[in-house]
N, C-alpha and C. Protein backbone atom coordinates (compact mmCIF):
# COMPACT_ATOMS: atom_id res chain seq x y z
N MET A 1 -9.73 -7.23 4.09
CA MET A 1 -9.70 -6.92 2.68
C MET A 1 -8.61 -7.77 2.04
N GLU A 2 -8.96 -8.47 0.97
CA GLU A 2 -8.01 -9.37 0.35
C GLU A 2 -6.90 -8.63 -0.38
N TYR A 3 -7.24 -7.57 -1.08
CA TYR A 3 -6.25 -6.81 -1.84
C TYR A 3 -6.29 -5.35 -1.40
N GLY A 4 -5.15 -4.71 -1.39
CA GLY A 4 -5.07 -3.32 -0.96
C GLY A 4 -4.92 -2.38 -2.14
N THR A 5 -5.69 -2.62 -3.21
CA THR A 5 -5.63 -1.75 -4.36
C THR A 5 -7.02 -1.57 -4.95
N VAL A 6 -7.17 -0.48 -5.68
CA VAL A 6 -8.38 -0.25 -6.46
C VAL A 6 -7.92 -0.22 -7.91
N VAL A 7 -8.58 -1.00 -8.75
CA VAL A 7 -8.27 -1.03 -10.17
C VAL A 7 -9.53 -0.60 -10.92
N HIS A 8 -9.38 0.36 -11.82
CA HIS A 8 -10.52 0.83 -12.61
C HIS A 8 -10.04 1.29 -13.98
N SER A 9 -10.96 1.36 -14.91
CA SER A 9 -10.64 1.92 -16.22
C SER A 9 -10.54 3.43 -16.07
N CYS A 10 -9.58 4.01 -16.74
CA CYS A 10 -9.39 5.46 -16.66
C CYS A 10 -10.70 6.16 -16.97
N CYS A 11 -11.03 7.13 -16.17
CA CYS A 11 -12.31 7.82 -16.29
C CYS A 11 -12.41 8.75 -17.49
N CYS A 12 -11.30 8.97 -18.21
CA CYS A 12 -11.37 9.82 -19.40
C CYS A 12 -11.97 9.08 -20.59
N GLY A 13 -12.04 7.74 -20.47
CA GLY A 13 -12.59 6.94 -21.55
C GLY A 13 -11.54 6.31 -22.44
N CYS A 14 -10.25 6.52 -22.16
CA CYS A 14 -9.19 5.94 -23.00
C CYS A 14 -9.13 4.42 -22.89
N GLY A 15 -9.73 3.86 -21.81
CA GLY A 15 -9.77 2.41 -21.64
C GLY A 15 -8.56 1.82 -20.94
N LEU A 16 -7.56 2.62 -20.60
CA LEU A 16 -6.38 2.10 -19.91
C LEU A 16 -6.71 1.83 -18.44
N GLU A 17 -5.99 0.87 -17.88
CA GLU A 17 -6.21 0.45 -16.50
C GLU A 17 -5.45 1.37 -15.55
N VAL A 18 -6.11 1.77 -14.48
CA VAL A 18 -5.51 2.62 -13.46
C VAL A 18 -5.51 1.83 -12.15
N VAL A 19 -4.35 1.76 -11.50
CA VAL A 19 -4.21 1.05 -10.23
C VAL A 19 -3.86 2.07 -9.15
N THR A 20 -4.66 2.11 -8.10
CA THR A 20 -4.40 3.01 -6.98
C THR A 20 -4.26 2.19 -5.71
N PRO A 21 -3.05 2.16 -5.12
CA PRO A 21 -2.85 1.41 -3.89
C PRO A 21 -3.55 2.08 -2.70
N LEU A 22 -4.12 1.26 -1.85
CA LEU A 22 -4.78 1.76 -0.63
C LEU A 22 -3.80 1.58 0.53
N THR A 23 -3.15 2.66 0.92
CA THR A 23 -2.20 2.62 2.02
C THR A 23 -2.34 3.92 2.80
N PRO A 24 -1.74 3.99 3.99
CA PRO A 24 -1.83 5.24 4.75
C PRO A 24 -1.22 6.44 4.04
N THR A 25 -0.34 6.20 3.05
CA THR A 25 0.28 7.32 2.34
C THR A 25 -0.22 7.47 0.91
N ASP A 26 -1.15 6.65 0.49
CA ASP A 26 -1.67 6.72 -0.88
C ASP A 26 -3.16 7.06 -0.86
N TRP A 27 -3.98 6.26 -1.52
CA TRP A 27 -5.40 6.57 -1.62
C TRP A 27 -6.21 5.90 -0.51
N LYS A 28 -7.39 6.46 -0.30
CA LYS A 28 -8.36 5.91 0.66
C LYS A 28 -9.66 5.70 -0.09
N LEU A 29 -10.26 4.54 0.10
CA LEU A 29 -11.53 4.20 -0.52
C LEU A 29 -12.60 4.18 0.56
N THR A 30 -13.72 4.82 0.30
CA THR A 30 -14.85 4.73 1.22
C THR A 30 -16.05 4.19 0.46
N PHE A 31 -16.83 3.40 1.15
CA PHE A 31 -18.05 2.82 0.60
C PHE A 31 -19.11 2.96 1.67
N ASP A 32 -20.20 3.64 1.36
CA ASP A 32 -21.25 3.88 2.35
C ASP A 32 -22.43 2.93 2.21
N GLY A 33 -22.24 1.85 1.47
CA GLY A 33 -23.31 0.91 1.24
C GLY A 33 -23.99 1.12 -0.09
N GLU A 34 -23.81 2.30 -0.67
CA GLU A 34 -24.40 2.61 -1.96
C GLU A 34 -23.39 3.17 -2.95
N ALA A 35 -22.47 3.98 -2.48
CA ALA A 35 -21.57 4.68 -3.39
C ALA A 35 -20.14 4.59 -2.88
N ILE A 36 -19.20 4.72 -3.82
CA ILE A 36 -17.79 4.73 -3.45
C ILE A 36 -17.20 6.11 -3.70
N SER A 37 -16.14 6.40 -2.93
CA SER A 37 -15.36 7.60 -3.14
C SER A 37 -13.89 7.19 -3.04
N LEU A 38 -13.05 7.82 -3.82
CA LEU A 38 -11.62 7.56 -3.81
C LEU A 38 -10.92 8.89 -3.67
N TRP A 39 -10.09 9.01 -2.62
CA TRP A 39 -9.43 10.27 -2.31
C TRP A 39 -7.99 10.03 -1.99
N PRO A 40 -7.04 10.84 -2.37
CA PRO A 40 -7.19 12.09 -3.09
C PRO A 40 -7.41 11.87 -4.58
N SER A 41 -7.24 12.92 -5.34
CA SER A 41 -7.49 12.83 -6.78
C SER A 41 -6.54 11.82 -7.43
N VAL A 42 -6.98 11.33 -8.58
CA VAL A 42 -6.18 10.39 -9.37
C VAL A 42 -5.58 11.19 -10.51
N GLY A 43 -4.26 11.28 -10.52
CA GLY A 43 -3.56 11.96 -11.60
C GLY A 43 -2.81 10.94 -12.42
N ASN A 44 -3.26 10.70 -13.62
CA ASN A 44 -2.65 9.67 -14.48
C ASN A 44 -1.52 10.28 -15.31
N TRP A 45 -0.48 10.74 -14.62
CA TRP A 45 0.61 11.47 -15.27
C TRP A 45 1.42 10.60 -16.20
N ASN A 46 1.41 9.28 -15.99
CA ASN A 46 2.20 8.38 -16.84
C ASN A 46 1.40 7.81 -18.00
N LEU A 47 0.13 8.13 -18.09
CA LEU A 47 -0.70 7.67 -19.21
C LEU A 47 -0.71 8.74 -20.30
N PRO A 48 -0.91 8.34 -21.56
CA PRO A 48 -0.96 9.33 -22.64
C PRO A 48 -2.05 10.40 -22.43
N CYS A 49 -3.17 10.04 -21.80
CA CYS A 49 -4.28 10.98 -21.62
C CYS A 49 -3.99 12.03 -20.54
N ARG A 50 -3.12 11.68 -19.58
CA ARG A 50 -2.76 12.56 -18.45
C ARG A 50 -3.99 13.10 -17.72
N SER A 51 -5.03 12.26 -17.62
CA SER A 51 -6.27 12.68 -16.96
C SER A 51 -6.07 12.89 -15.47
N HIS A 52 -6.96 13.69 -14.89
CA HIS A 52 -6.88 14.04 -13.46
C HIS A 52 -8.31 14.20 -12.97
N TYR A 53 -8.70 13.40 -11.96
CA TYR A 53 -10.08 13.41 -11.49
C TYR A 53 -10.18 12.88 -10.06
N VAL A 54 -11.34 13.11 -9.48
CA VAL A 54 -11.70 12.58 -8.16
C VAL A 54 -12.94 11.74 -8.35
N ILE A 55 -13.04 10.64 -7.63
CA ILE A 55 -14.26 9.83 -7.63
C ILE A 55 -14.93 10.08 -6.29
N GLN A 56 -16.13 10.66 -6.34
CA GLN A 56 -16.84 11.01 -5.11
C GLN A 56 -18.31 10.62 -5.25
N GLY A 57 -18.75 9.74 -4.38
CA GLY A 57 -20.15 9.31 -4.39
C GLY A 57 -20.57 8.71 -5.73
N ASN A 58 -19.72 7.85 -6.30
CA ASN A 58 -19.95 7.21 -7.60
C ASN A 58 -19.90 8.18 -8.77
N ARG A 59 -19.50 9.40 -8.54
CA ARG A 59 -19.41 10.38 -9.62
C ARG A 59 -17.96 10.74 -9.87
N VAL A 60 -17.63 10.94 -11.13
CA VAL A 60 -16.29 11.38 -11.50
C VAL A 60 -16.31 12.89 -11.63
N ILE A 61 -15.44 13.53 -10.89
CA ILE A 61 -15.32 14.98 -10.94
C ILE A 61 -13.97 15.31 -11.57
N GLU A 62 -14.02 15.91 -12.74
CA GLU A 62 -12.78 16.23 -13.44
C GLU A 62 -12.03 17.31 -12.68
N ALA A 63 -10.74 17.08 -12.53
CA ALA A 63 -9.87 18.08 -11.89
C ALA A 63 -9.00 18.71 -12.97
N GLY A 64 -8.48 19.85 -12.70
CA GLY A 64 -7.69 20.56 -13.71
C GLY A 64 -6.38 19.86 -14.02
N PRO A 65 -5.84 20.11 -15.19
CA PRO A 65 -4.55 19.51 -15.55
C PRO A 65 -3.44 20.11 -14.71
N TRP A 66 -2.39 19.34 -14.51
CA TRP A 66 -1.22 19.81 -13.77
C TRP A 66 -0.05 19.94 -14.72
N ASP A 67 0.80 20.93 -14.48
CA ASP A 67 2.01 21.06 -15.29
C ASP A 67 3.14 20.27 -14.62
N LYS A 68 4.29 20.20 -15.29
CA LYS A 68 5.41 19.39 -14.80
C LYS A 68 5.87 19.84 -13.42
N THR A 69 5.85 21.12 -13.14
CA THR A 69 6.28 21.64 -11.83
C THR A 69 5.37 21.10 -10.72
N GLN A 70 4.06 21.12 -10.95
CA GLN A 70 3.11 20.62 -9.96
C GLN A 70 3.27 19.11 -9.77
N ILE A 71 3.45 18.38 -10.86
CA ILE A 71 3.61 16.92 -10.78
C ILE A 71 4.88 16.58 -10.02
N ASP A 72 5.99 17.25 -10.33
CA ASP A 72 7.26 17.00 -9.63
C ASP A 72 7.15 17.32 -8.15
N ALA A 73 6.46 18.40 -7.81
CA ALA A 73 6.27 18.76 -6.40
C ALA A 73 5.46 17.69 -5.68
N GLU A 74 4.43 17.16 -6.32
CA GLU A 74 3.61 16.11 -5.71
C GLU A 74 4.41 14.83 -5.54
N LYS A 75 5.26 14.48 -6.50
CA LYS A 75 6.10 13.29 -6.37
C LYS A 75 7.05 13.43 -5.19
N ARG A 76 7.61 14.63 -4.99
CA ARG A 76 8.49 14.87 -3.83
C ARG A 76 7.72 14.77 -2.53
N ARG A 77 6.51 15.36 -2.49
CA ARG A 77 5.69 15.31 -1.29
C ARG A 77 5.32 13.87 -0.96
N ASP A 78 4.96 13.10 -1.98
CA ASP A 78 4.59 11.70 -1.79
C ASP A 78 5.77 10.88 -1.26
N LYS A 79 6.94 11.09 -1.84
CA LYS A 79 8.13 10.36 -1.39
C LYS A 79 8.46 10.71 0.06
N ALA A 80 8.37 11.99 0.41
CA ALA A 80 8.64 12.43 1.78
C ALA A 80 7.62 11.82 2.76
N ALA A 81 6.35 11.78 2.36
CA ALA A 81 5.31 11.20 3.22
C ALA A 81 5.57 9.72 3.46
N LYS A 82 5.95 9.00 2.42
CA LYS A 82 6.25 7.57 2.56
C LYS A 82 7.48 7.35 3.45
N THR A 83 8.52 8.15 3.22
CA THR A 83 9.74 8.03 4.03
C THR A 83 9.42 8.28 5.49
N HIS A 84 8.66 9.32 5.77
CA HIS A 84 8.30 9.63 7.16
C HIS A 84 7.47 8.52 7.78
N TYR A 85 6.44 8.08 7.08
CA TYR A 85 5.54 7.07 7.64
C TYR A 85 6.26 5.75 7.89
N TYR A 86 7.01 5.27 6.90
CA TYR A 86 7.62 3.95 7.02
C TYR A 86 8.91 3.95 7.83
N SER A 87 9.44 5.13 8.17
CA SER A 87 10.63 5.17 9.01
C SER A 87 10.29 5.16 10.50
N GLN A 88 9.03 5.31 10.81
CA GLN A 88 8.62 5.28 12.22
C GLN A 88 8.81 3.86 12.74
N THR A 89 9.54 3.74 13.83
CA THR A 89 9.79 2.39 14.36
C THR A 89 8.62 1.84 15.14
N GLU A 90 7.89 2.68 15.82
CA GLU A 90 6.76 2.22 16.62
C GLU A 90 5.48 2.89 16.14
N SER A 91 5.08 2.59 14.94
CA SER A 91 3.83 3.13 14.42
C SER A 91 2.67 2.43 15.12
N PRO A 92 1.65 3.16 15.60
CA PRO A 92 0.52 2.51 16.26
C PRO A 92 -0.24 1.58 15.32
N ARG A 93 -0.10 1.79 14.01
CA ARG A 93 -0.79 0.93 13.06
C ARG A 93 0.07 -0.26 12.63
N ALA A 94 1.36 -0.25 13.03
CA ALA A 94 2.24 -1.35 12.63
C ALA A 94 1.85 -2.61 13.39
N PRO A 95 1.88 -3.75 12.70
CA PRO A 95 1.54 -4.98 13.38
C PRO A 95 2.58 -5.30 14.45
N LYS A 96 2.12 -5.86 15.52
CA LYS A 96 3.02 -6.25 16.60
C LYS A 96 3.84 -7.44 16.15
N GLU A 97 5.10 -7.48 16.61
CA GLU A 97 5.98 -8.58 16.26
C GLU A 97 5.45 -9.86 16.90
N LEU A 98 5.35 -10.90 16.09
CA LEU A 98 4.89 -12.17 16.61
C LEU A 98 6.08 -12.92 17.18
N LYS A 99 5.93 -13.42 18.38
CA LYS A 99 6.99 -14.18 19.02
C LYS A 99 6.61 -15.65 19.02
N PRO A 100 7.60 -16.53 18.77
CA PRO A 100 7.28 -17.96 18.75
C PRO A 100 6.85 -18.45 20.12
N LYS A 101 5.98 -19.45 20.12
CA LYS A 101 5.55 -20.05 21.38
C LYS A 101 6.73 -20.80 21.98
N PRO A 102 6.86 -20.74 23.30
CA PRO A 102 7.97 -21.48 23.93
C PRO A 102 7.79 -22.98 23.73
N THR A 103 8.92 -23.65 23.52
CA THR A 103 8.88 -25.10 23.35
C THR A 103 9.10 -25.76 24.70
N LYS A 104 8.67 -26.98 24.82
CA LYS A 104 8.83 -27.72 26.08
C LYS A 104 10.06 -28.61 25.98
N GLU A 105 11.23 -27.98 26.04
CA GLU A 105 12.50 -28.69 25.99
C GLU A 105 12.90 -29.06 27.42
N PRO A 106 13.55 -30.20 27.59
CA PRO A 106 14.05 -30.55 28.92
C PRO A 106 15.02 -29.48 29.42
N LEU A 107 15.06 -29.28 30.72
CA LEU A 107 15.96 -28.29 31.31
C LEU A 107 17.39 -28.59 30.91
N GLY A 108 18.15 -27.53 30.63
CA GLY A 108 19.55 -27.70 30.30
C GLY A 108 19.79 -27.91 28.81
N THR A 109 18.77 -27.99 27.99
CA THR A 109 18.98 -28.14 26.55
C THR A 109 18.60 -26.84 25.87
N THR A 110 19.14 -26.64 24.72
CA THR A 110 18.77 -25.46 23.95
C THR A 110 18.17 -25.92 22.64
N ALA A 111 17.09 -25.34 22.29
CA ALA A 111 16.44 -25.70 21.03
C ALA A 111 16.97 -24.80 19.93
N GLU A 112 17.40 -25.41 18.83
CA GLU A 112 17.86 -24.66 17.67
C GLU A 112 16.63 -24.25 16.87
N PRO A 113 16.62 -23.06 16.32
CA PRO A 113 15.45 -22.65 15.54
C PRO A 113 15.18 -23.63 14.40
N ALA A 114 13.92 -23.80 14.07
CA ALA A 114 13.52 -24.77 13.06
C ALA A 114 13.64 -24.18 11.66
N THR A 115 14.84 -23.69 11.33
CA THR A 115 15.06 -23.20 9.98
C THR A 115 15.50 -24.35 9.11
N ILE A 116 15.49 -24.14 7.82
CA ILE A 116 15.92 -25.20 6.91
C ILE A 116 17.36 -25.58 7.17
N TRP A 117 18.18 -24.56 7.53
CA TRP A 117 19.60 -24.84 7.82
C TRP A 117 19.75 -25.63 9.11
N ALA A 118 18.95 -25.33 10.12
CA ALA A 118 19.02 -26.07 11.38
C ALA A 118 18.58 -27.52 11.17
N LYS A 119 17.55 -27.72 10.38
CA LYS A 119 17.09 -29.08 10.09
C LYS A 119 18.16 -29.85 9.33
N LEU A 120 18.84 -29.17 8.38
CA LEU A 120 19.89 -29.83 7.61
C LEU A 120 21.06 -30.21 8.51
N ARG A 121 21.45 -29.31 9.44
CA ARG A 121 22.53 -29.62 10.38
C ARG A 121 22.19 -30.81 11.26
N ARG A 122 20.93 -30.87 11.73
CA ARG A 122 20.51 -32.03 12.56
C ARG A 122 20.54 -33.30 11.75
N TRP A 123 20.13 -33.23 10.50
CA TRP A 123 20.07 -34.43 9.66
C TRP A 123 21.47 -34.92 9.34
N LEU A 124 22.43 -33.97 9.10
CA LEU A 124 23.81 -34.35 8.80
C LEU A 124 24.57 -34.73 10.05
N GLY A 125 24.15 -34.19 11.19
CA GLY A 125 24.91 -34.28 12.42
C GLY A 125 24.89 -35.56 13.07
């Protein structure tokens, strides 16, 4: 997937753009070949319309409005979920660290990493 976000016009009809990131702690998009679903619900708390809905099987299902207490609780839950997920040092979904291929240096020599600073030192040296 080239981009990890879903962008759509707000489903209330206000015409404002809504961006939902697709991450393990945010939204999930499913496409069954015919219809899309976006879960969990989209709460546009920062937009003037403050719309709240779910997209399921190409249909918009209006969800009830949330008050400030519910919104604040969800923001805390979201922050805690992100902190927990991204603080894991060995997440099974985390990409493995790529190690550079060994160079064929003569025995007894050490190769300096090919950083811009190393190249500059060699050039000046």
